[in-house]
Structure formats: structure tokens, C-alpha cells
Amino acid sequence: MKHPHDNIRVGTITFVYSVTKRGWVFPGLSVTRNPLKAQRLAEEINNKRGAVCTKHLLLS
């Protein structure tokens, strides 16, 4: 993030900053105003997604 209201991107996951809701929108249309929480959630989702892809490749 270069600016306080930039989108948060981790791997392939992007949380978009909503000006009207003044926070980052994540799956389920929930909004968090804390950038550290948004970053942590993006990392968790990215890690879970990576684990599923790795498991799928191992089973193939």
C-alpha cells in the first residue's frame, strides 16, 4: 500500500477499498476499517487457497 486507501492485495486475493463504507470489502460483503485486520484476512484466505491447490496437485 502506498496510500492509506489502496486496495489490499495478497497473492491472487484483493480486498477493494470502499469509499462509501470507508473500509475494505471482503467475501460475504463484510467490511473492516482496520487495514491490519484486512491484511491478515487476505493472507489467511490466500494460504487456504494455496493449500487447496497444492492438495489438488498432489492427488492428481
PDB file of N, CA and C in Angstrom:
ATOM      1  N   MET A   1       0.835  -1.181   0.000  1.00  0.00           N
ATOM      2  CA  MET A   1       0.000   0.000   0.000  1.00  0.00           C
ATOM      3  C   MET A   1       0.882   1.247   0.000  1.00  0.00           C
ATOM      4  N   LYS A   2       0.637   2.096  -0.951  1.00  0.00           N
ATOM      5  CA  LYS A   2       1.361   3.361  -0.990  1.00  0.00           C
ATOM      6  C   LYS A   2       0.522   4.474  -0.371  1.00  0.00           C
ATOM      7  N   HIS A   3      -0.796   4.320  -0.424  1.00  0.00           N
ATOM      8  CA  HIS A   3      -1.718   5.305   0.125  1.00  0.00           C
ATOM      9  C   HIS A   3      -2.641   4.600   1.115  1.00  0.00           C
ATOM     10  N   PRO A   4      -3.149   5.300   2.117  1.00  0.00           N
ATOM     11  CA  PRO A   4      -3.954   4.652   3.150  1.00  0.00           C
ATOM     12  C   PRO A   4      -5.237   3.997   2.645  1.00  0.00           C
ATOM     13  N   HIS A   5      -5.705   4.384   1.466  1.00  0.00           N
ATOM     14  CA  HIS A   5      -6.973   3.842   0.970  1.00  0.00           C
ATOM     15  C   HIS A   5      -6.784   2.977  -0.268  1.00  0.00           C
ATOM     16  N   ASP A   6      -5.615   2.400  -0.427  1.00  0.00           N
ATOM     17  CA  ASP A   6      -5.369   1.499  -1.553  1.00  0.00           C
ATOM     18  C   ASP A   6      -6.030   0.150  -1.306  1.00  0.00           C
ATOM     19  N   ASN A   7      -6.257  -0.572  -2.391  1.00  0.00           N
ATOM     20  CA  ASN A   7      -6.729  -1.947  -2.270  1.00  0.00           C
ATOM     21  C   ASN A   7      -5.625  -2.774  -1.627  1.00  0.00           C
ATOM     22  N   ILE A   8      -6.019  -3.838  -0.932  1.00  0.00           N
ATOM     23  CA  ILE A   8      -5.049  -4.736  -0.312  1.00  0.00           C
ATOM     24  C   ILE A   8      -4.975  -5.986  -1.159  1.00  0.00           C
ATOM     25  N   ARG A   9      -3.765  -6.322  -1.615  1.00  0.00           N
ATOM     26  CA  ARG A   9      -3.569  -7.483  -2.484  1.00  0.00           C
ATOM     27  C   ARG A   9      -2.547  -8.419  -1.859  1.00  0.00           C
ATOM     28  N   VAL A  10      -2.941  -9.696  -1.711  1.00  0.00           N
ATOM     29  CA  VAL A  10      -2.038 -10.747  -1.232  1.00  0.00           C
ATOM     30  C   VAL A  10      -2.189 -11.916  -2.188  1.00  0.00           C
ATOM     31  N   GLY A  11      -1.140 -12.215  -2.934  1.00  0.00           N
ATOM     32  CA  GLY A  11      -1.221 -13.286  -3.929  1.00  0.00           C
ATOM     33  C   GLY A  11      -2.285 -12.951  -4.958  1.00  0.00           C
ATOM     34  N   THR A  12      -3.298 -13.808  -5.057  1.00  0.00           N
ATOM     35  CA  THR A  12      -4.387 -13.568  -6.008  1.00  0.00           C
ATOM     36  C   THR A  12      -5.604 -12.943  -5.339  1.00  0.00           C
ATOM     37  N   ILE A  13      -5.525 -12.701  -4.041  1.00  0.00           N
ATOM     38  CA  ILE A  13      -6.641 -12.141  -3.278  1.00  0.00           C
ATOM     39  C   ILE A  13      -6.522 -10.620  -3.249  1.00  0.00           C
ATOM     40  N   THR A  14      -7.613  -9.928  -3.561  1.00  0.00           N
ATOM     41  CA  THR A  14      -7.638  -8.466  -3.499  1.00  0.00           C
ATOM     42  C   THR A  14      -8.861  -8.011  -2.727  1.00  0.00           C
ATOM     43  N   PHE A  15      -8.629  -7.222  -1.686  1.00  0.00           N
ATOM     44  CA  PHE A  15      -9.722  -6.583  -0.960  1.00  0.00           C
ATOM     45  C   PHE A  15      -9.806  -5.150  -1.463  1.00  0.00           C
ATOM     46  N   VAL A  16     -10.957  -4.763  -1.951  1.00  0.00           N
ATOM     47  CA  VAL A  16     -11.156  -3.443  -2.538  1.00  0.00           C
ATOM     48  C   VAL A  16     -11.574  -2.462  -1.446  1.00  0.00           C
ATOM     49  N   TYR A  17     -10.987  -1.276  -1.468  1.00  0.00           N
ATOM     50  CA  TYR A  17     -11.364  -0.236  -0.516  1.00  0.00           C
ATOM     51  C   TYR A  17     -12.635   0.446  -1.000  1.00  0.00           C
ATOM     52  N   SER A  18     -13.633   0.515  -0.130  1.00  0.00           N
ATOM     53  CA  SER A  18     -14.896   1.168  -0.450  1.00  0.00           C
ATOM     54  C   SER A  18     -14.914   2.556   0.177  1.00  0.00           C
ATOM     55  N   VAL A  19     -15.022   3.573  -0.659  1.00  0.00           N
ATOM     56  CA  VAL A  19     -15.056   4.949  -0.166  1.00  0.00           C
ATOM     57  C   VAL A  19     -16.352   5.201   0.597  1.00  0.00           C
ATOM     58  N   THR A  20     -17.462   4.653   0.114  1.00  0.00           N
ATOM     59  CA  THR A  20     -18.748   4.894   0.765  1.00  0.00           C
ATOM     60  C   THR A  20     -18.845   4.205   2.125  1.00  0.00           C
ATOM     61  N   LYS A  21     -18.241   3.020   2.250  1.00  0.00           N
ATOM     62  CA  LYS A  21     -18.290   2.293   3.528  1.00  0.00           C
ATOM     63  C   LYS A  21     -17.049   2.549   4.376  1.00  0.00           C
ATOM     64  N   ARG A  22     -16.075   3.265   3.800  1.00  0.00           N
ATOM     65  CA  ARG A  22     -14.828   3.630   4.475  1.00  0.00           C
ATOM     66  C   ARG A  22     -14.112   2.424   5.078  1.00  0.00           C
ATOM     67  N   GLY A  23     -13.969   1.381   4.255  1.00  0.00           N
ATOM     68  CA  GLY A  23     -13.258   0.196   4.707  1.00  0.00           C
ATOM     69  C   GLY A  23     -13.019  -0.757   3.552  1.00  0.00           C
ATOM     70  N   TRP A  24     -12.386  -1.882   3.850  1.00  0.00           N
ATOM     71  CA  TRP A  24     -12.079  -2.885   2.832  1.00  0.00           C
ATOM     72  C   TRP A  24     -13.161  -3.944   2.828  1.00  0.00           C
ATOM     73  N   VAL A  25     -13.668  -4.231   1.630  1.00  0.00           N
ATOM     74  CA  VAL A  25     -14.742  -5.204   1.457  1.00  0.00           C
ATOM     75  C   VAL A  25     -14.111  -6.564   1.191  1.00  0.00           C
ATOM     76  N   PHE A  26     -14.556  -7.579   1.954  1.00  0.00           N
ATOM     77  CA  PHE A  26     -14.048  -8.924   1.734  1.00  0.00           C
ATOM     78  C   PHE A  26     -15.211  -9.878   1.546  1.00  0.00           C
ATOM     79  N   PRO A  27     -14.947 -11.137   1.168  1.00  0.00           N
ATOM     80  CA  PRO A  27     -16.020 -12.075   0.826  1.00  0.00           C
ATOM     81  C   PRO A  27     -17.140 -12.083   1.860  1.00  0.00           C
ATOM     82  N   GLY A  28     -18.357 -12.187   1.366  1.00  0.00           N
ATOM     83  CA  GLY A  28     -19.529 -12.115   2.220  1.00  0.00           C
ATOM     84  C   GLY A  28     -20.007 -10.682   2.371  1.00  0.00           C
ATOM     85  N   LEU A  29     -19.372  -9.767   1.641  1.00  0.00           N
ATOM     86  CA  LEU A  29     -19.691  -8.338   1.651  1.00  0.00           C
ATOM     87  C   LEU A  29     -19.551  -7.709   3.029  1.00  0.00           C
ATOM     88  N   SER A  30     -18.693  -8.295   3.867  1.00  0.00           N
ATOM     89  CA  SER A  30     -18.377  -7.690   5.156  1.00  0.00           C
ATOM     90  C   SER A  30     -17.333  -6.604   4.936  1.00  0.00           C
ATOM     91  N   VAL A  31     -17.286  -5.658   5.852  1.00  0.00           N
ATOM     92  CA  VAL A  31     -16.349  -4.538   5.722  1.00  0.00           C
ATOM     93  C   VAL A  31     -15.551  -4.412   7.011  1.00  0.00           C
ATOM     94  N   THR A  32     -14.260  -4.222   6.886  1.00  0.00           N
ATOM     95  CA  THR A  32     -13.421  -3.913   8.037  1.00  0.00           C
ATOM     96  C   THR A  32     -12.707  -2.597   7.775  1.00  0.00           C
ATOM     97  N   ARG A  33     -12.614  -1.778   8.793  1.00  0.00           N
ATOM     98  CA  ARG A  33     -11.937  -0.490   8.645  1.00  0.00           C
ATOM     99  C   ARG A  33     -10.482  -0.558   9.089  1.00  0.00           C
ATOM    100  N   ASN A  34     -10.099  -1.676   9.675  1.00  0.00           N
ATOM    101  CA  ASN A  34      -8.739  -1.842  10.173  1.00  0.00           C
ATOM    102  C   ASN A  34      -7.863  -2.456   9.078  1.00  0.00           C
ATOM    103  N   PRO A  35      -6.865  -1.729   8.579  1.00  0.00           N
ATOM    104  CA  PRO A  35      -6.039  -2.259   7.491  1.00  0.00           C
ATOM    105  C   PRO A  35      -5.217  -3.485   7.898  1.00  0.00           C
ATOM    106  N   LEU A  36      -4.820  -3.572   9.162  1.00  0.00           N
ATOM    107  CA  LEU A  36      -4.053  -4.737   9.614  1.00  0.00           C
ATOM    108  C   LEU A  36      -4.924  -5.987   9.629  1.00  0.00           C
ATOM    109  N   LYS A  37      -6.172  -5.836  10.044  1.00  0.00           N
ATOM    110  CA  LYS A  37      -7.102  -6.965  10.039  1.00  0.00           C
ATOM    111  C   LYS A  37      -7.391  -7.405   8.604  1.00  0.00           C
ATOM    112  N   ALA A  38      -7.573  -6.451   7.712  1.00  0.00           N
ATOM    113  CA  ALA A  38      -7.831  -6.777   6.308  1.00  0.00           C
ATOM    114  C   ALA A  38      -6.639  -7.515   5.704  1.00  0.00           C
ATOM    115  N   GLN A  39      -5.428  -7.074   6.022  1.00  0.00           N
ATOM    116  CA  GLN A  39      -4.218  -7.731   5.523  1.00  0.00           C
ATOM    117  C   GLN A  39      -4.135  -9.164   6.041  1.00  0.00           C
ATOM    118  N   ARG A  40      -4.412  -9.355   7.338  1.00  0.00           N
ATOM    119  CA  ARG A  40      -4.350 -10.689   7.937  1.00  0.00           C
ATOM    120  C   ARG A  40      -5.381 -11.616   7.322  1.00  0.00           C
ATOM    121  N   LEU A  41      -6.606 -11.122   7.107  1.00  0.00           N
ATOM    122  CA  LEU A  41      -7.654 -11.933   6.483  1.00  0.00           C
ATOM    123  C   LEU A  41      -7.274 -12.314   5.052  1.00  0.00           C
ATOM    124  N   ALA A  42      -6.696 -11.379   4.325  1.00  0.00           N
ATOM    125  CA  ALA A  42      -6.266 -11.669   2.951  1.00  0.00           C
ATOM    126  C   ALA A  42      -5.191 -12.750   2.948  1.00  0.00           C
ATOM    127  N   GLU A  43      -4.261 -12.683   3.901  1.00  0.00           N
ATOM    128  CA  GLU A  43      -3.214 -13.703   3.988  1.00  0.00           C
ATOM    129  C   GLU A  43      -3.801 -15.067   4.328  1.00  0.00           C
ATOM    130  N   GLU A  44      -4.763 -15.104   5.269  1.00  0.00           N
ATOM    131  CA  GLU A  44      -5.398 -16.373   5.643  1.00  0.00           C
ATOM    132  C   GLU A  44      -6.122 -16.998   4.458  1.00  0.00           C
ATOM    133  N   ILE A  45      -6.883 -16.195   3.731  1.00  0.00           N
ATOM    134  CA  ILE A  45      -7.622 -16.710   2.575  1.00  0.00           C
ATOM    135  C   ILE A  45      -6.653 -17.194   1.506  1.00  0.00           C
ATOM    136  N   ASN A  46      -5.591 -16.434   1.270  1.00  0.00           N
ATOM    137  CA  ASN A  46      -4.599 -16.825   0.270  1.00  0.00           C
ATOM    138  C   ASN A  46      -3.914 -18.134   0.661  1.00  0.00           C
ATOM    139  N   ASN A  47      -3.583 -18.285   1.941  1.00  0.00           N
ATOM    140  CA  ASN A  47      -2.934 -19.515   2.404  1.00  0.00           C
ATOM    141  C   ASN A  47      -3.864 -20.714   2.282  1.00  0.00           C
ATOM    142  N   LYS A  48      -5.144 -20.536   2.624  1.00  0.00           N
ATOM    143  CA  LYS A  48      -6.113 -21.630   2.495  1.00  0.00           C
ATOM    144  C   LYS A  48      -6.281 -22.015   1.029  1.00  0.00           C
ATOM    145  N   ARG A  49      -6.321 -21.027   0.181  1.00  0.00           N
ATOM    146  CA  ARG A  49      -6.480 -21.283  -1.252  1.00  0.00           C
ATOM    147  C   ARG A  49      -5.263 -22.018  -1.802  1.00  0.00           C
ATOM    148  N   GLY A  50      -4.082 -21.634  -1.344  1.00  0.00           N
ATOM    149  CA  GLY A  50      -2.852 -22.292  -1.768  1.00  0.00           C
ATOM    150  C   GLY A  50      -2.790 -23.727  -1.284  1.00  0.00           C
ATOM    151  N   ALA A  51      -3.279 -23.978  -0.065  1.00  0.00           N
ATOM    152  CA  ALA A  51      -3.274 -25.336   0.478  1.00  0.00           C
ATOM    153  C   ALA A  51      -4.204 -26.232  -0.324  1.00  0.00           C
ATOM    154  N   VAL A  52      -5.344 -25.715  -0.739  1.00  0.00           N
ATOM    155  CA  VAL A  52      -6.295 -26.492  -1.533  1.00  0.00           C
ATOM    156  C   VAL A  52      -5.688 -26.817  -2.891  1.00  0.00           C
ATOM    157  N   CYS A  53      -5.043 -25.842  -3.529  1.00  0.00           N
ATOM    158  CA  CYS A  53      -4.427 -26.067  -4.845  1.00  0.00           C
ATOM    159  C   CYS A  53      -3.301 -27.085  -4.743  1.00  0.00           C
ATOM    160  N   THR A  54      -2.491 -26.992  -3.695  1.00  0.00           N
ATOM    161  CA  THR A  54      -1.388 -27.933  -3.508  1.00  0.00           C
ATOM    162  C   THR A  54      -1.927 -29.336  -3.280  1.00  0.00           C
ATOM    163  N   LYS A  55      -2.965 -29.454  -2.460  1.00  0.00           N
ATOM    164  CA  LYS A  55      -3.568 -30.759  -2.185  1.00  0.00           C
ATOM    165  C   LYS A  55      -4.128 -31.352  -3.473  1.00  0.00           C
ATOM    166  N   HIS A  56      -4.767 -30.516  -4.289  1.00  0.00           N
ATOM    167  CA  HIS A  56      -5.334 -30.980  -5.554  1.00  0.00           C
ATOM    168  C   HIS A  56      -4.231 -31.506  -6.476  1.00  0.00           C
ATOM    169  N   LEU A  57      -3.103 -30.807  -6.530  1.00  0.00           N
ATOM    170  CA  LEU A  57      -1.994 -31.238  -7.382  1.00  0.00           C
ATOM    171  C   LEU A  57      -1.393 -32.553  -6.889  1.00  0.00           C
ATOM    172  N   LEU A  58      -1.338 -32.734  -5.570  1.00  0.00           N
ATOM    173  CA  LEU A  58      -0.774 -33.966  -5.022  1.00  0.00           C
ATOM    174  C   LEU A  58      -1.671 -35.165  -5.306  1.00  0.00           C
ATOM    175  N   LEU A  59      -2.985 -34.941  -5.335  1.00  0.00           N
ATOM    176  CA  LEU A  59      -3.928 -36.030  -5.575  1.00  0.00           C
ATOM    177  C   LEU A  59      -4.016 -36.394  -7.051  1.00  0.00           C
ATOM    178  N   SER A  60      -3.613 -35.496  -7.925  1.00  0.00           N
ATOM    179  CA  SER A  60      -3.714 -35.748  -9.371  1.00  0.00           C
ATOM    180  C   SER A  60      -2.684 -36.731  -9.853  1.00  0.00           C
TER     181      SER A  60
END
